[in-house]
Amino acid sequence: VDLKRTESEFKQQQAVIDQEAKILTAEEQAARQQQEEVQRVPREQGVYLVEGKDLKPIQQAESKAVTSKGRNVLKILSPLPVVAGKVTVELDGEHSANVVASSLPEFYFRLASNERFAIFKLGAKRGVRVVQTWNVMPVTNEIIEDNQDVPILNRQLEEDLYKIWPSEPLKAGEYAVVEYSVGQRNIQVWDFAY
């Protein structure tokens, strides 16, 4: 019997077992942390701002769809259906009541349904903030959306729960976390300012 070789193999096997145990412990710890994180977020759909160890719910904003009156006149005067309609989704007021202190804010987002979500930079227009512009194509009524997406990163924690944050620091201005369906006239908005 080669005792040195046996002892060497035993030490190698023990090192592998110890390494696997460390990995399992780290995975269990990460799973526990994620479960604790999920339990922090309320079950109601909506957006929650992470402020240190606290969560601040953000109220859903009242958005309105405003049709361009000039485009409607052109559509009526034109004998052929060639003029596209234009609708802007707007929020009243020039500034949001929700102000974030960080240029890289983190949000928990519990979706109402399985739709797209994003962070948009809002435009300014005579006392309102423009979330999105819809160009409605003549005849087909197809909707083409125009907005200013902010590149985001996200992590899915549950089927309907995501943690989202911008991939680059935000510049000062007005923003909104939105949930929407492409090509549909539905959008939910949670506004904030940095």
Protein backbone atom coordinates (compact mmCIF):
# COMPACT_ATOMS: atom_id res chain seq x y z
CA VAL A 1 0.00 0.00 0.00
CA ASP A 2 1.34 3.43 -0.98
CA LEU A 3 0.40 5.56 2.04
CA LYS A 4 1.70 8.81 0.60
CA ARG A 5 -0.36 8.41 -2.58
CA THR A 6 -3.46 7.41 -0.60
CA GLU A 7 -3.05 10.41 1.69
CA SER A 8 -2.51 12.72 -1.33
CA GLU A 9 -5.67 11.43 -3.06
CA PHE A 10 -7.64 11.81 0.17
CA LYS A 11 -6.50 15.45 0.49
CA GLN A 12 -7.45 16.14 -3.15
CA GLN A 13 -10.91 14.62 -2.64
CA GLN A 14 -11.36 16.56 0.60
CA ALA A 15 -10.37 19.81 -1.19
CA VAL A 16 -12.99 19.13 -3.90
CA ILE A 17 -15.65 18.40 -1.26
CA ASP A 18 -14.74 21.58 0.64
CA GLN A 19 -14.91 23.66 -2.57
CA GLU A 20 -18.34 22.21 -3.46
CA ALA A 21 -19.57 22.92 0.08
CA LYS A 22 -18.44 26.56 -0.23
CA ILE A 23 -20.27 26.91 -3.55
CA LEU A 24 -23.46 25.37 -2.14
CA THR A 25 -23.27 27.63 0.91
CA ALA A 26 -22.84 30.71 -1.30
CA GLU A 27 -25.77 29.63 -3.51
CA GLU A 28 -28.00 29.02 -0.48
CA GLN A 29 -27.04 32.40 0.95
CA ALA A 30 -27.80 34.14 -2.36
CA ALA A 31 -31.17 32.34 -2.58
CA ARG A 32 -32.01 33.41 0.99
CA GLN A 33 -31.05 37.02 0.24
CA GLN A 34 -33.21 37.02 -2.90
CA GLN A 35 -36.15 35.57 -0.95
CA GLU A 36 -35.76 38.27 1.72
CA GLU A 37 -35.59 40.88 -1.04
CA VAL A 38 -38.82 39.59 -2.61
CA GLN A 39 -40.61 39.59 0.74
CA ARG A 40 -39.77 43.30 1.22
CA VAL A 41 -41.78 44.32 -1.84
CA PRO A 42 -45.57 44.67 -1.36
CA ARG A 43 -47.82 42.31 -3.36
CA GLU A 44 -49.74 45.21 -4.99
CA GLN A 45 -48.73 46.04 -8.55
CA GLY A 46 -46.75 49.24 -8.93
CA VAL A 47 -43.32 50.85 -8.68
CA TYR A 48 -41.27 51.10 -5.49
CA LEU A 49 -38.15 53.28 -5.19
CA VAL A 50 -35.23 51.81 -3.22
CA GLU A 51 -33.93 54.37 -0.70
CA GLY A 52 -31.20 52.65 1.30
CA LYS A 53 -32.95 49.84 3.17
CA ASP A 54 -36.40 51.41 2.73
CA LEU A 55 -38.90 51.20 -0.12
CA LYS A 56 -40.93 54.24 -1.16
CA PRO A 57 -44.04 53.53 -3.24
CA ILE A 58 -44.43 55.84 -6.24
CA GLN A 59 -47.98 56.84 -7.10
CA GLN A 60 -49.16 56.09 -10.62
CA ALA A 61 -49.44 59.33 -12.58
CA GLU A 62 -52.61 60.46 -14.32
CA SER A 63 -51.69 60.47 -18.00
CA LYS A 64 -53.89 61.78 -20.79
CA ALA A 65 -53.85 61.30 -24.55
CA VAL A 66 -54.07 64.62 -26.40
CA THR A 67 -54.92 64.60 -30.12
CA SER A 68 -53.27 67.15 -32.40
CA LYS A 69 -56.05 69.48 -33.60
CA GLY A 70 -54.01 70.69 -36.57
CA ARG A 71 -53.60 67.12 -37.84
CA ASN A 72 -57.35 66.52 -37.50
CA VAL A 73 -58.09 69.58 -39.65
CA LEU A 74 -55.62 68.38 -42.29
CA LYS A 75 -57.22 64.90 -42.27
CA ILE A 76 -60.66 66.44 -42.84
CA LEU A 77 -59.46 68.75 -45.64
CA SER A 78 -57.47 66.07 -47.45
CA PRO A 79 -59.52 64.11 -50.01
CA LEU A 80 -57.27 61.06 -49.58
CA PRO A 81 -56.36 59.37 -46.30
CA VAL A 82 -52.65 60.31 -46.35
CA VAL A 83 -52.27 62.44 -43.21
CA ALA A 84 -51.17 60.51 -40.12
CA GLY A 85 -52.84 61.32 -36.83
CA LYS A 86 -50.72 62.47 -33.93
CA VAL A 87 -51.47 61.87 -30.26
CA THR A 88 -49.25 62.81 -27.32
CA VAL A 89 -49.40 61.10 -23.93
CA GLU A 90 -48.96 63.86 -21.38
CA LEU A 91 -48.67 64.42 -17.63
CA ASP A 92 -49.89 67.68 -16.09
CA GLY A 93 -47.30 69.97 -14.52
CA GLU A 94 -43.72 70.74 -15.44
CA HIS A 95 -42.14 68.83 -12.52
CA SER A 96 -42.76 65.56 -10.71
CA ALA A 97 -43.46 65.45 -6.99
CA ASN A 98 -41.25 62.34 -6.74
CA VAL A 99 -37.60 63.41 -6.61
CA VAL A 100 -34.77 60.88 -6.46
CA ALA A 101 -31.37 61.75 -5.00
CA SER A 102 -29.28 59.18 -6.88
CA SER A 103 -28.27 59.36 -10.54
CA LEU A 104 -28.60 55.55 -10.61
CA PRO A 105 -31.96 54.98 -8.85
CA GLU A 106 -33.16 51.42 -8.31
CA PHE A 107 -36.81 50.42 -8.53
CA TYR A 108 -38.84 47.32 -7.83
CA PHE A 109 -41.54 46.96 -10.45
CA ARG A 110 -44.47 44.60 -9.89
CA LEU A 111 -46.24 44.32 -13.27
CA ALA A 112 -50.01 44.37 -13.67
CA SER A 113 -49.79 42.06 -16.68
CA ASN A 114 -47.10 40.61 -18.93
CA GLU A 115 -46.20 43.77 -20.86
CA ARG A 116 -43.06 45.73 -21.74
CA PHE A 117 -41.55 48.10 -19.23
CA ALA A 118 -38.95 50.84 -19.52
CA ILE A 119 -37.72 54.15 -18.19
CA PHE A 120 -38.48 57.12 -20.48
CA LYS A 121 -36.98 60.60 -20.38
CA LEU A 122 -39.90 63.02 -20.56
CA GLY A 123 -40.10 65.99 -22.91
CA ALA A 124 -41.38 69.44 -21.93
CA LYS A 125 -44.27 71.27 -23.61
CA ARG A 126 -46.19 74.31 -22.29
CA GLY A 127 -46.83 73.25 -18.68
CA VAL A 128 -46.97 69.49 -19.34
CA ARG A 129 -44.50 66.65 -19.65
CA VAL A 130 -44.67 64.49 -22.78
CA VAL A 131 -44.26 60.76 -22.10
CA GLN A 132 -44.77 59.36 -25.59
CA THR A 133 -46.01 60.40 -29.03
CA TRP A 134 -48.25 58.11 -31.07
CA ASN A 135 -48.31 58.52 -34.84
CA VAL A 136 -51.51 56.87 -36.12
CA MET A 137 -51.13 55.71 -39.71
CA PRO A 138 -54.01 56.47 -42.08
CA VAL A 139 -56.24 53.61 -43.24
CA THR A 140 -54.54 50.88 -41.12
CA ASN A 141 -54.71 52.80 -37.81
CA GLU A 142 -51.32 51.28 -36.96
CA ILE A 143 -49.65 53.09 -34.06
CA ILE A 144 -45.97 54.02 -34.23
CA GLU A 145 -44.61 55.10 -30.86
CA ASP A 146 -41.96 57.77 -30.38
CA ASN A 147 -40.26 58.10 -26.99
CA GLN A 148 -36.88 58.63 -25.37
CA ASP A 149 -35.86 55.29 -23.84
CA VAL A 150 -33.25 55.26 -21.10
CA PRO A 151 -31.04 52.14 -21.33
CA ILE A 152 -31.86 49.97 -18.32
CA LEU A 153 -30.74 46.79 -16.63
CA ASN A 154 -33.21 44.48 -14.93
CA ARG A 155 -33.32 41.36 -12.84
CA GLN A 156 -36.42 39.17 -12.57
CA LEU A 157 -37.12 38.15 -8.97
CA GLU A 158 -40.55 36.53 -9.45
CA GLU A 159 -42.90 36.02 -12.37
CA ASP A 160 -44.29 39.56 -12.09
CA LEU A 161 -41.54 41.27 -10.05
CA TYR A 162 -38.45 42.96 -11.50
CA LYS A 163 -35.69 45.12 -10.10
CA ILE A 164 -34.74 47.79 -12.66
CA TRP A 165 -32.13 50.54 -12.79
CA PRO A 166 -30.54 52.73 -15.50
CA SER A 167 -27.36 51.32 -17.04
CA GLU A 168 -25.79 54.80 -17.09
CA PRO A 169 -26.14 57.70 -14.64
CA LEU A 170 -29.18 59.89 -15.34
CA LYS A 171 -28.81 63.52 -16.31
CA ALA A 172 -30.93 66.08 -14.44
CA GLY A 173 -34.49 66.07 -15.74
CA GLU A 174 -37.91 64.45 -15.69
CA TYR A 175 -38.33 60.68 -16.12
CA ALA A 176 -40.96 57.96 -15.81
CA VAL A 177 -41.09 54.23 -15.28
CA VAL A 178 -43.68 52.94 -17.77
CA GLU A 179 -45.54 49.73 -18.54
CA TYR A 180 -46.98 49.47 -22.04
CA SER A 181 -47.83 47.23 -24.99
CA VAL A 182 -46.20 48.01 -28.33
CA GLY A 183 -48.72 49.24 -30.91
CA GLN A 184 -51.54 49.50 -28.37
CA ARG A 185 -53.07 52.60 -26.84
CA ASN A 186 -52.36 51.64 -23.27
CA ILE A 187 -49.61 52.95 -21.05
CA GLN A 188 -49.18 53.20 -17.29
CA VAL A 189 -46.81 55.85 -15.94
CA TRP A 190 -44.96 56.37 -12.64
CA ASP A 191 -43.07 59.70 -12.88
CA PHE A 192 -39.99 60.96 -11.03
CA ALA A 193 -37.35 63.67 -11.35
CA TYR A 194 -33.62 63.65 -10.82
